[in-house]
Amino acid sequence: MKKVYFDKLDGRKNKLLAIPMILFLLIYVFTAFTNRDSNLHQISAIIGFGSAVIFFGKQFYYRNYVGWNKKGLLLRLNSFTSKNVPFNKIETYNISNGRLEIVRKDQKRLTFNLEGISDHEIKKIRDLLRKNTNTTNAYGHSPPYI
């Protein structure tokens, strides 16, 4: 079974990484105008940009990635590209036959392949959708648990 990396984007771990990243990038910008040859400039560049690579690179590093916050969901499941789905734009969703299908309010359909992903992790995705959307699934009722 393939693992899915779940990342709460506004969680404590991400905030703890983002604060020093922003701080070191601000130091880098400030020292670029004042003393470009200083060690502080070089160290702040390494730490600031290095933490930015870690912060933003998670979605590219993991083959199956689900990131979410209160606004939406970023899904990358068995594919090379990821899709951003705002929760307020979801009309319905359906998980069946190894596929997750999300129908947006503009009637655009997004389909994700769930082949090889464990039932426990599919349940987590279903719970995220159920908890953060005011919709029902494609059958007109709240989605059942697996």
Protein backbone atom coordinates (compact mmCIF):
# COMPACT_ATOMS: atom_id res chain seq x y z
CA MET A 1 0.00 0.00 0.00
CA LYS A 2 1.14 3.51 -0.82
CA LYS A 3 1.48 6.04 1.98
CA VAL A 4 -0.15 9.45 1.80
CA TYR A 5 1.57 12.38 3.51
CA PHE A 6 -1.02 14.54 5.27
CA ASP A 7 0.10 18.11 5.99
CA LYS A 8 -2.03 20.61 7.88
CA LEU A 9 -0.71 23.76 6.26
CA ASP A 10 -1.70 26.07 9.10
CA GLY A 11 -0.46 23.64 11.75
CA ARG A 12 2.09 24.35 14.45
CA LYS A 13 5.01 22.60 12.68
CA ASN A 14 4.60 24.71 9.57
CA LYS A 15 4.32 27.92 11.58
CA LEU A 16 7.48 27.04 13.50
CA LEU A 17 9.29 26.59 10.19
CA ALA A 18 7.80 29.67 8.52
CA ILE A 19 8.70 32.19 11.22
CA PRO A 20 12.49 31.69 11.10
CA MET A 21 12.32 31.37 7.30
CA ILE A 22 10.71 34.80 7.00
CA LEU A 23 13.07 36.27 9.58
CA PHE A 24 16.21 35.02 7.80
CA LEU A 25 14.90 36.12 4.40
CA LEU A 26 14.25 39.61 5.78
CA ILE A 27 17.80 39.69 7.20
CA TYR A 28 19.06 38.56 3.78
CA VAL A 29 17.22 41.38 2.01
CA PHE A 30 18.34 43.99 4.54
CA THR A 31 22.01 42.91 4.35
CA ALA A 32 21.84 42.91 0.56
CA PHE A 33 21.50 46.71 0.70
CA THR A 34 23.85 47.38 3.60
CA ASN A 35 26.73 44.88 3.62
CA ARG A 36 26.55 42.30 0.88
CA ASP A 37 29.92 40.71 1.68
CA SER A 38 29.16 39.94 5.34
CA ASN A 39 28.88 36.45 6.77
CA LEU A 40 25.42 37.33 8.07
CA HIS A 41 24.23 37.87 4.49
CA GLN A 42 25.52 34.48 3.37
CA ILE A 43 24.27 32.58 6.43
CA SER A 44 20.83 34.17 6.26
CA ALA A 45 20.61 33.23 2.58
CA ILE A 46 21.48 29.60 3.27
CA ILE A 47 19.12 29.24 6.22
CA GLY A 48 16.28 31.31 4.71
CA PHE A 49 16.25 29.72 1.27
CA GLY A 50 17.01 26.27 2.69
CA SER A 51 14.00 26.40 4.98
CA ALA A 52 11.88 27.69 2.07
CA VAL A 53 12.88 24.62 0.04
CA ILE A 54 11.83 22.39 2.94
CA PHE A 55 8.61 24.35 3.53
CA PHE A 56 7.44 24.37 -0.10
CA GLY A 57 9.18 21.20 -1.30
CA LYS A 58 7.11 18.72 0.69
CA GLN A 59 4.38 18.65 -1.92
CA PHE A 60 6.92 17.75 -4.62
CA TYR A 61 8.91 15.26 -2.56
CA TYR A 62 6.00 12.99 -1.61
CA ARG A 63 4.31 11.00 -4.36
CA ASN A 64 0.95 11.12 -2.57
CA TYR A 65 0.37 14.40 -0.75
CA VAL A 66 -2.68 15.98 0.88
CA GLY A 67 -2.24 19.48 2.28
CA TRP A 68 -5.11 21.47 3.75
CA ASN A 69 -6.04 24.52 5.74
CA LYS A 70 -9.38 26.20 6.49
CA LYS A 71 -9.67 27.52 2.91
CA GLY A 72 -8.98 24.46 0.79
CA LEU A 73 -7.26 21.24 -0.11
CA LEU A 74 -4.14 20.54 -2.16
CA LEU A 75 -4.23 17.00 -3.57
CA ARG A 76 -1.51 15.04 -5.31
CA LEU A 77 -2.53 11.41 -5.55
CA ASN A 78 -0.80 8.97 -7.92
CA SER A 79 0.09 11.74 -10.36
CA PHE A 80 2.83 14.19 -11.22
CA THR A 81 0.72 17.31 -10.76
CA SER A 82 -1.27 18.57 -7.81
CA LYS A 83 -4.67 20.24 -7.77
CA ASN A 84 -5.86 22.98 -5.46
CA VAL A 85 -9.52 22.65 -4.47
CA PRO A 86 -11.09 25.43 -2.37
CA PHE A 87 -13.66 23.99 0.03
CA ASN A 88 -16.26 26.63 -0.82
CA LYS A 89 -16.11 25.67 -4.52
CA ILE A 90 -16.95 21.96 -3.97
CA GLU A 91 -20.49 21.03 -4.93
CA THR A 92 -20.29 17.25 -4.48
CA TYR A 93 -17.70 14.53 -4.10
CA ASN A 94 -17.72 10.78 -4.44
CA ILE A 95 -15.22 8.11 -3.45
CA SER A 96 -15.83 4.80 -5.18
CA ASN A 97 -14.11 2.23 -7.40
CA GLY A 98 -10.64 3.45 -6.47
CA ARG A 99 -11.40 7.02 -7.55
CA LEU A 100 -12.12 10.32 -5.84
CA GLU A 101 -14.32 12.55 -7.97
CA ILE A 102 -14.89 16.16 -6.94
CA VAL A 103 -17.47 18.24 -8.79
CA ARG A 104 -16.92 21.96 -8.40
CA LYS A 105 -19.74 24.51 -8.40
CA ASP A 106 -18.74 25.53 -11.94
CA GLN A 107 -19.39 21.86 -12.92
CA LYS A 108 -15.72 21.15 -13.53
CA ARG A 109 -14.89 17.56 -12.53
CA LEU A 110 -11.62 16.63 -10.85
CA THR A 111 -10.80 12.93 -10.67
CA PHE A 112 -8.04 11.42 -8.54
CA ASN A 113 -6.81 7.84 -8.74
CA LEU A 114 -6.84 6.12 -5.33
CA GLU A 115 -5.40 2.79 -6.52
CA GLY A 116 -3.00 1.31 -4.01
CA ILE A 117 -3.90 3.76 -1.23
CA SER A 118 -5.05 2.11 2.01
CA ASP A 119 -8.64 2.32 3.22
CA HIS A 120 -7.48 4.08 6.38
CA GLU A 121 -5.95 6.94 4.37
CA ILE A 122 -8.96 7.14 2.05
CA LYS A 123 -11.06 7.51 5.20
CA LYS A 124 -8.85 10.43 6.30
CA ILE A 125 -9.42 12.16 2.95
CA ARG A 126 -13.16 11.53 3.24
CA ASP A 127 -13.16 12.95 6.78
CA LEU A 128 -11.33 16.08 5.60
CA LEU A 129 -13.89 16.63 2.86
CA ARG A 130 -16.83 15.89 5.15
CA LYS A 131 -15.58 18.13 7.97
CA ASN A 132 -14.64 21.14 5.80
CA THR A 133 -17.42 21.22 3.20
CA ASN A 134 -21.12 21.81 3.59
CA THR A 135 -21.90 19.37 0.81
CA THR A 136 -23.09 15.84 0.44
CA ASN A 137 -21.56 13.17 -1.71
CA ALA A 138 -22.83 12.38 -5.21
CA TYR A 139 -25.56 10.11 -3.81
CA GLY A 140 -27.26 12.97 -1.97
CA HIS A 141 -26.35 12.00 1.60
CA SER A 142 -23.42 12.32 3.92
CA PRO A 143 -20.67 9.90 2.97
CA PRO A 144 -20.49 6.70 5.00
CA TYR A 145 -17.31 5.54 6.66
CA ILE A 146 -15.35 2.75 5.06
